[in-house]
PDB file of N, CA and C in Angstrom:
ATOM      1  N   MET A   1     -54.906-137.765  69.718  1.00  0.00           N
ATOM      2  CA  MET A   1     -53.597-138.199  69.308  1.00  0.00           C
ATOM      3  C   MET A   1     -52.576-137.824  70.374  1.00  0.00           C
ATOM      4  N   VAL A   2     -51.622-138.695  70.603  1.00  0.00           N
ATOM      5  CA  VAL A   2     -50.518-138.417  71.515  1.00  0.00           C
ATOM      6  C   VAL A   2     -49.310-138.051  70.665  1.00  0.00           C
ATOM      7  N   LYS A   3     -48.727-136.891  70.926  1.00  0.00           N
ATOM      8  CA  LYS A   3     -47.608-136.432  70.111  1.00  0.00           C
ATOM      9  C   LYS A   3     -46.299-136.617  70.869  1.00  0.00           C
ATOM     10  N   SER A   4     -45.915-137.865  71.057  1.00  0.00           N
ATOM     11  CA  SER A   4     -44.619-138.162  71.645  1.00  0.00           C
ATOM     12  C   SER A   4     -43.985-139.269  70.822  1.00  0.00           C
ATOM     13  N   PRO A   5     -42.678-139.182  70.620  1.00  0.00           N
ATOM     14  CA  PRO A   5     -42.026-140.167  69.758  1.00  0.00           C
ATOM     15  C   PRO A   5     -41.919-141.533  70.423  1.00  0.00           C
ATOM     16  N   LYS A   6     -41.902-142.572  69.604  1.00  0.00           N
ATOM     17  CA  LYS A   6     -41.598-143.911  70.073  1.00  0.00           C
ATOM     18  C   LYS A   6     -40.178-144.184  69.618  1.00  0.00           C
ATOM     19  N   ILE A   7     -39.364-144.667  70.505  1.00  0.00           N
ATOM     20  CA  ILE A   7     -37.951-144.868  70.194  1.00  0.00           C
ATOM     21  C   ILE A   7     -37.685-146.346  69.958  1.00  0.00           C
ATOM     22  N   TYR A   8     -37.042-146.636  68.842  1.00  0.00           N
ATOM     23  CA  TYR A   8     -36.601-147.982  68.526  1.00  0.00           C
ATOM     24  C   TYR A   8     -35.077-147.982  68.517  1.00  0.00           C
ATOM     25  N   ILE A   9     -34.465-148.975  69.130  1.00  0.00           N
ATOM     26  CA  ILE A   9     -33.031-149.174  68.945  1.00  0.00           C
ATOM     27  C   ILE A   9     -32.912-149.964  67.654  1.00  0.00           C
ATOM     28  N   ARG A  10     -32.351-149.324  66.636  1.00  0.00           N
ATOM     29  CA  ARG A  10     -32.379-149.892  65.288  1.00  0.00           C
ATOM     30  C   ARG A  10     -31.478-151.100  65.129  1.00  0.00           C
ATOM     31  N   ASP A  11     -30.495-151.250  65.966  1.00  0.00           N
ATOM     32  CA  ASP A  11     -29.574-152.383  65.888  1.00  0.00           C
ATOM     33  C   ASP A  11     -29.972-153.397  66.951  1.00  0.00           C
ATOM     34  N   SER A  12     -30.639-154.472  66.549  1.00  0.00           N
ATOM     35  CA  SER A  12     -31.115-155.458  67.529  1.00  0.00           C
ATOM     36  C   SER A  12     -29.953-156.127  68.260  1.00  0.00           C
ATOM     37  N   GLY A  13     -28.807-156.262  67.602  1.00  0.00           N
ATOM     38  CA  GLY A  13     -27.629-156.815  68.269  1.00  0.00           C
ATOM     39  C   GLY A  13     -27.176-155.920  69.413  1.00  0.00           C
ATOM     40  N   MET A  14     -27.214-154.608  69.194  1.00  0.00           N
ATOM     41  CA  MET A  14     -26.839-153.662  70.250  1.00  0.00           C
ATOM     42  C   MET A  14     -27.846-153.727  71.403  1.00  0.00           C
ATOM     43  N   LEU A  15     -29.126-153.800  71.074  1.00  0.00           N
ATOM     44  CA  LEU A  15     -30.158-153.925  72.102  1.00  0.00           C
ATOM     45  C   LEU A  15     -29.911-155.161  72.954  1.00  0.00           C
ATOM     46  N   HIS A  16     -29.641-156.283  72.310  1.00  0.00           N
ATOM     47  CA  HIS A  16     -29.416-157.531  73.041  1.00  0.00           C
ATOM     48  C   HIS A  16     -28.151-157.445  73.893  1.00  0.00           C
ATOM     49  N   HIS A  17     -27.128-156.773  73.386  1.00  0.00           N
ATOM     50  CA  HIS A  17     -25.896-156.589  74.165  1.00  0.00           C
ATOM     51  C   HIS A  17     -26.154-155.726  75.400  1.00  0.00           C
ATOM     52  N   ILE A  18     -26.856-154.611  75.214  1.00  0.00           N
ATOM     53  CA  ILE A  18     -27.166-153.709  76.338  1.00  0.00           C
ATOM     54  C   ILE A  18     -27.930-154.461  77.426  1.00  0.00           C
ATOM     55  N   LEU A  19     -28.822-155.364  77.019  1.00  0.00           N
ATOM     56  CA  LEU A  19     -29.642-156.129  77.967  1.00  0.00           C
ATOM     57  C   LEU A  19     -28.965-157.418  78.421  1.00  0.00           C
ATOM     58  N   ASP A  20     -27.720-157.638  77.982  1.00  0.00           N
ATOM     59  CA  ASP A  20     -26.943-158.829  78.345  1.00  0.00           C
ATOM     60  C   ASP A  20     -27.647-160.123  77.939  1.00  0.00           C
ATOM     61  N   ILE A  21     -28.255-160.098  76.768  1.00  0.00           N
ATOM     62  CA  ILE A  21     -28.871-161.297  76.200  1.00  0.00           C
ATOM     63  C   ILE A  21     -27.810-161.942  75.321  1.00  0.00           C
ATOM     64  N   GLN A  22     -27.349-163.118  75.715  1.00  0.00           N
ATOM     65  CA  GLN A  22     -26.187-163.706  75.059  1.00  0.00           C
ATOM     66  C   GLN A  22     -26.493-164.820  74.077  1.00  0.00           C
ATOM     67  N   ASN A  23     -27.720-165.329  74.071  1.00  0.00           N
ATOM     68  CA  ASN A  23     -28.041-166.406  73.146  1.00  0.00           C
ATOM     69  C   ASN A  23     -29.548-166.443  72.910  1.00  0.00           C
ATOM     70  N   MET A  24     -29.962-167.343  72.023  1.00  0.00           N
ATOM     71  CA  MET A  24     -31.369-167.425  71.650  1.00  0.00           C
ATOM     72  C   MET A  24     -32.250-167.814  72.840  1.00  0.00           C
ATOM     73  N   ASP A  25     -31.769-168.710  73.685  1.00  0.00           N
ATOM     74  CA  ASP A  25     -32.544-169.093  74.874  1.00  0.00           C
ATOM     75  C   ASP A  25     -32.779-167.884  75.772  1.00  0.00           C
ATOM     76  N   GLY A  26     -31.743-167.060  75.929  1.00  0.00           N
ATOM     77  CA  GLY A  26     -31.876-165.855  76.740  1.00  0.00           C
ATOM     78  C   GLY A  26     -32.867-164.874  76.142  1.00  0.00           C
ATOM     79  N   LEU A  27     -32.874-164.767  74.820  1.00  0.00           N
ATOM     80  CA  LEU A  27     -33.808-163.867  74.148  1.00  0.00           C
ATOM     81  C   LEU A  27     -35.234-164.383  74.255  1.00  0.00           C
ATOM     82  N   GLU A  28     -35.415-165.690  74.022  1.00  0.00           N
ATOM     83  CA  GLU A  28     -36.760-166.260  74.053  1.00  0.00           C
ATOM     84  C   GLU A  28     -37.407-166.181  75.423  1.00  0.00           C
ATOM     85  N   SER A  29     -36.615-166.115  76.472  1.00  0.00           N
ATOM     86  CA  SER A  29     -37.177-166.035  77.825  1.00  0.00           C
ATOM     87  C   SER A  29     -37.219-164.598  78.357  1.00  0.00           C
ATOM     88  N   HIS A  30     -36.792-163.635  77.546  1.00  0.00           N
ATOM     89  CA  HIS A  30     -36.733-162.232  77.987  1.00  0.00           C
ATOM     90  C   HIS A  30     -38.017-161.499  77.576  1.00  0.00           C
ATOM     91  N   PRO A  31     -38.533-160.625  78.442  1.00  0.00           N
ATOM     92  CA  PRO A  31     -39.752-159.895  78.091  1.00  0.00           C
ATOM     93  C   PRO A  31     -39.601-158.938  76.908  1.00  0.00           C
ATOM     94  N   ILE A  32     -38.390-158.657  76.472  1.00  0.00           N
ATOM     95  CA  ILE A  32     -38.162-157.747  75.343  1.00  0.00           C
ATOM     96  C   ILE A  32     -38.336-158.444  73.994  1.00  0.00           C
ATOM     97  N   LEU A  33     -38.541-159.746  73.987  1.00  0.00           N
ATOM     98  CA  LEU A  33     -38.591-160.516  72.744  1.00  0.00           C
ATOM     99  C   LEU A  33     -39.514-159.896  71.700  1.00  0.00           C
ATOM    100  N   GLY A  34     -40.750-159.599  72.052  1.00  0.00           N
ATOM    101  CA  GLY A  34     -41.698-159.030  71.090  1.00  0.00           C
ATOM    102  C   GLY A  34     -41.265-157.675  70.576  1.00  0.00           C
ATOM    103  N   HIS A  35     -40.768-156.836  71.457  1.00  0.00           N
ATOM    104  CA  HIS A  35     -40.315-155.500  71.043  1.00  0.00           C
ATOM    105  C   HIS A  35     -39.069-155.599  70.156  1.00  0.00           C
ATOM    106  N   SER A  36     -38.201-156.540  70.465  1.00  0.00           N
ATOM    107  CA  SER A  36     -37.001-156.743  69.657  1.00  0.00           C
ATOM    108  C   SER A  36     -37.381-157.159  68.240  1.00  0.00           C
ATOM    109  N   TRP A  37     -38.297-158.097  68.124  1.00  0.00           N
ATOM    110  CA  TRP A  37     -38.749-158.565  66.803  1.00  0.00           C
ATOM    111  C   TRP A  37     -39.448-157.429  66.051  1.00  0.00           C
ATOM    112  N   GLU A  38     -40.304-156.695  66.751  1.00  0.00           N
ATOM    113  CA  GLU A  38     -41.009-155.566  66.139  1.00  0.00           C
ATOM    114  C   GLU A  38     -40.013-154.539  65.593  1.00  0.00           C
ATOM    115  N   GLY A  39     -39.021-154.187  66.385  1.00  0.00           N
ATOM    116  CA  GLY A  39     -38.020-153.222  65.949  1.00  0.00           C
ATOM    117  C   GLY A  39     -37.230-153.709  64.752  1.00  0.00           C
ATOM    118  N   TYR A  40     -36.891-154.994  64.747  1.00  0.00           N
ATOM    119  CA  TYR A  40     -36.148-155.570  63.620  1.00  0.00           C
ATOM    120  C   TYR A  40     -36.972-155.503  62.332  1.00  0.00           C
ATOM    121  N   VAL A  41     -38.226-155.895  62.409  1.00  0.00           N
ATOM    122  CA  VAL A  41     -39.088-155.891  61.222  1.00  0.00           C
ATOM    123  C   VAL A  41     -39.280-154.472  60.699  1.00  0.00           C
ATOM    124  N   ILE A  42     -39.546-153.537  61.596  1.00  0.00           N
ATOM    125  CA  ILE A  42     -39.730-152.147  61.181  1.00  0.00           C
ATOM    126  C   ILE A  42     -38.453-151.597  60.551  1.00  0.00           C
ATOM    127  N   GLU A  43     -37.310-151.913  61.134  1.00  0.00           N
ATOM    128  CA  GLU A  43     -36.042-151.453  60.568  1.00  0.00           C
ATOM    129  C   GLU A  43     -35.833-152.016  59.167  1.00  0.00           C
ATOM    130  N   GLN A  44     -36.163-153.271  58.942  1.00  0.00           N
ATOM    131  CA  GLN A  44     -35.998-153.878  57.622  1.00  0.00           C
ATOM    132  C   GLN A  44     -36.910-153.208  56.596  1.00  0.00           C
ATOM    133  N   ILE A  45     -38.120-152.883  56.989  1.00  0.00           N
ATOM    134  CA  ILE A  45     -39.045-152.190  56.078  1.00  0.00           C
ATOM    135  C   ILE A  45     -38.514-150.805  55.744  1.00  0.00           C
ATOM    136  N   ILE A  46     -38.129-150.048  56.777  1.00  0.00           N
ATOM    137  CA  ILE A  46     -37.646-148.679  56.568  1.00  0.00           C
ATOM    138  C   ILE A  46     -36.377-148.671  55.709  1.00  0.00           C
ATOM    139  N   ALA A  47     -35.506-149.648  55.902  1.00  0.00           N
ATOM    140  CA  ALA A  47     -34.258-149.714  55.134  1.00  0.00           C
ATOM    141  C   ALA A  47     -34.519-149.913  53.642  1.00  0.00           C
ATOM    142  N   ASN A  48     -35.664-150.462  53.295  1.00  0.00           N
ATOM    143  CA  ASN A  48     -35.976-150.720  51.888  1.00  0.00           C
ATOM    144  C   ASN A  48     -36.871-149.662  51.254  1.00  0.00           C
ATOM    145  N   LEU A  49     -37.171-148.598  51.981  1.00  0.00           N
ATOM    146  CA  LEU A  49     -37.991-147.520  51.438  1.00  0.00           C
ATOM    147  C   LEU A  49     -37.130-146.533  50.671  1.00  0.00           C
ATOM    148  N   ASP A  50     -37.741-145.816  49.744  1.00  0.00           N
ATOM    149  CA  ASP A  50     -37.012-144.737  49.100  1.00  0.00           C
ATOM    150  C   ASP A  50     -36.935-143.553  50.060  1.00  0.00           C
ATOM    151  N   THR A  51     -36.063-142.622  49.760  1.00  0.00           N
ATOM    152  CA  THR A  51     -35.841-141.488  50.669  1.00  0.00           C
ATOM    153  C   THR A  51     -37.011-140.515  50.713  1.00  0.00           C
ATOM    154  N   GLN A  52     -37.950-140.639  49.813  1.00  0.00           N
ATOM    155  CA  GLN A  52     -39.116-139.752  49.783  1.00  0.00           C
ATOM    156  C   GLN A  52     -40.217-140.200  50.748  1.00  0.00           C
ATOM    157  N   THR A  53     -40.126-141.402  51.270  1.00  0.00           N
ATOM    158  CA  THR A  53     -41.179-141.954  52.113  1.00  0.00           C
ATOM    159  C   THR A  53     -40.854-141.731  53.584  1.00  0.00           C
ATOM    160  N   ASP A  54     -41.775-141.111  54.294  1.00  0.00           N
ATOM    161  CA  ASP A  54     -41.624-140.898  55.726  1.00  0.00           C
ATOM    162  C   ASP A  54     -42.309-142.012  56.492  1.00  0.00           C
ATOM    163  N   SER A  55     -41.797-142.310  57.671  1.00  0.00           N
ATOM    164  CA  SER A  55     -42.414-143.329  58.520  1.00  0.00           C
ATOM    165  C   SER A  55     -42.840-142.691  59.837  1.00  0.00           C
ATOM    166  N   PHE A  56     -43.961-143.167  60.352  1.00  0.00           N
ATOM    167  CA  PHE A  56     -44.533-142.611  61.572  1.00  0.00           C
ATOM    168  C   PHE A  56     -45.081-143.723  62.452  1.00  0.00           C
ATOM    169  N   PHE A  57     -45.292-143.385  63.702  1.00  0.00           N
ATOM    170  CA  PHE A  57     -45.941-144.241  64.691  1.00  0.00           C
ATOM    171  C   PHE A  57     -47.190-143.505  65.136  1.00  0.00           C
ATOM    172  N   TYR A  58     -48.288-144.213  65.345  1.00  0.00           N
ATOM    173  CA  TYR A  58     -49.547-143.576  65.726  1.00  0.00           C
ATOM    174  C   TYR A  58     -50.110-144.256  66.967  1.00  0.00           C
ATOM    175  N   ARG A  59     -50.483-143.444  67.969  1.00  0.00           N
ATOM    176  CA  ARG A  59     -51.115-143.981  69.172  1.00  0.00           C
ATOM    177  C   ARG A  59     -52.176-143.001  69.653  1.00  0.00           C
ATOM    178  N   THR A  60     -53.334-143.525  70.054  1.00  0.00           N
ATOM    179  CA  THR A  60     -54.400-142.690  70.599  1.00  0.00           C
ATOM    180  C   THR A  60     -54.229-142.557  72.103  1.00  0.00           C
ATOM    181  N   HIS A  61     -54.961-141.628  72.703  1.00  0.00           N
ATOM    182  CA  HIS A  61     -54.941-141.471  74.162  1.00  0.00           C
ATOM    183  C   HIS A  61     -55.412-142.740  74.861  1.00  0.00           C
ATOM    184  N   GLU A  62     -56.262-143.516  74.198  1.00  0.00           N
ATOM    185  CA  GLU A  62     -56.782-144.745  74.788  1.00  0.00           C
ATOM    186  C   GLU A  62     -55.780-145.898  74.706  1.00  0.00           C
ATOM    187  N   GLY A  63     -54.699-145.718  73.961  1.00  0.00           N
ATOM    188  CA  GLY A  63     -53.658-146.732  73.888  1.00  0.00           C
ATOM    189  C   GLY A  63     -53.641-147.562  72.622  1.00  0.00           C
ATOM    190  N   ALA A  64     -54.585-147.342  71.705  1.00  0.00           N
ATOM    191  CA  ALA A  64     -54.552-148.075  70.432  1.00  0.00           C
ATOM    192  C   ALA A  64     -53.329-147.606  69.635  1.00  0.00           C
ATOM    193  N   GLU A  65     -52.627-148.548  69.013  1.00  0.00           N
ATOM    194  CA  GLU A  65     -51.392-148.221  68.307  1.00  0.00           C
ATOM    195  C   GLU A  65     -51.381-148.767  66.885  1.00  0.00           C
ATOM    196  N   ILE A  66     -50.692-148.026  66.029  1.00  0.00           N
ATOM    197  CA  ILE A  66     -50.273-148.505  64.727  1.00  0.00           C
ATOM    198  C   ILE A  66     -48.762-148.308  64.722  1.00  0.00           C
ATOM    199  N   ASP A  67     -48.010-149.381  64.644  1.00  0.00           N
ATOM    200  CA  ASP A  67     -46.554-149.306  64.811  1.00  0.00           C
ATOM    201  C   ASP A  67     -45.816-148.688  63.639  1.00  0.00           C
ATOM    202  N   LEU A  68     -46.389-148.760  62.443  1.00  0.00           N
ATOM    203  CA  LEU A  68     -45.713-148.181  61.295  1.00  0.00           C
ATOM    204  C   LEU A  68     -46.735-147.649  60.313  1.00  0.00           C
ATOM    205  N   VAL A  69     -46.646-146.370  60.051  1.00  0.00           N
ATOM    206  CA  VAL A  69     -47.496-145.700  59.066  1.00  0.00           C
ATOM    207  C   VAL A  69     -46.540-145.087  58.049  1.00  0.00           C
ATOM    208  N   LEU A  70     -46.769-145.394  56.778  1.00  0.00           N
ATOM    209  CA  LEU A  70     -45.887-144.857  55.718  1.00  0.00           C
ATOM    210  C   LEU A  70     -46.636-143.806  54.925  1.00  0.00           C
TER     211      LEU A  70
END
């Protein structure tokens, strides 16, 4: 197990602003597209959880990942 945090920018609008992505065409052609969508989906799931539920990210030394573990 690798014990280092994965950081998500929870506000996809802020992420797009920081990267100067100004429209959908710019987003669709940007390499961050998949990570942006992943972060948005994870944020929506976490926002709907009760406060008793913890969320985690899991990655092995070999690089296998689970993006959200509840």
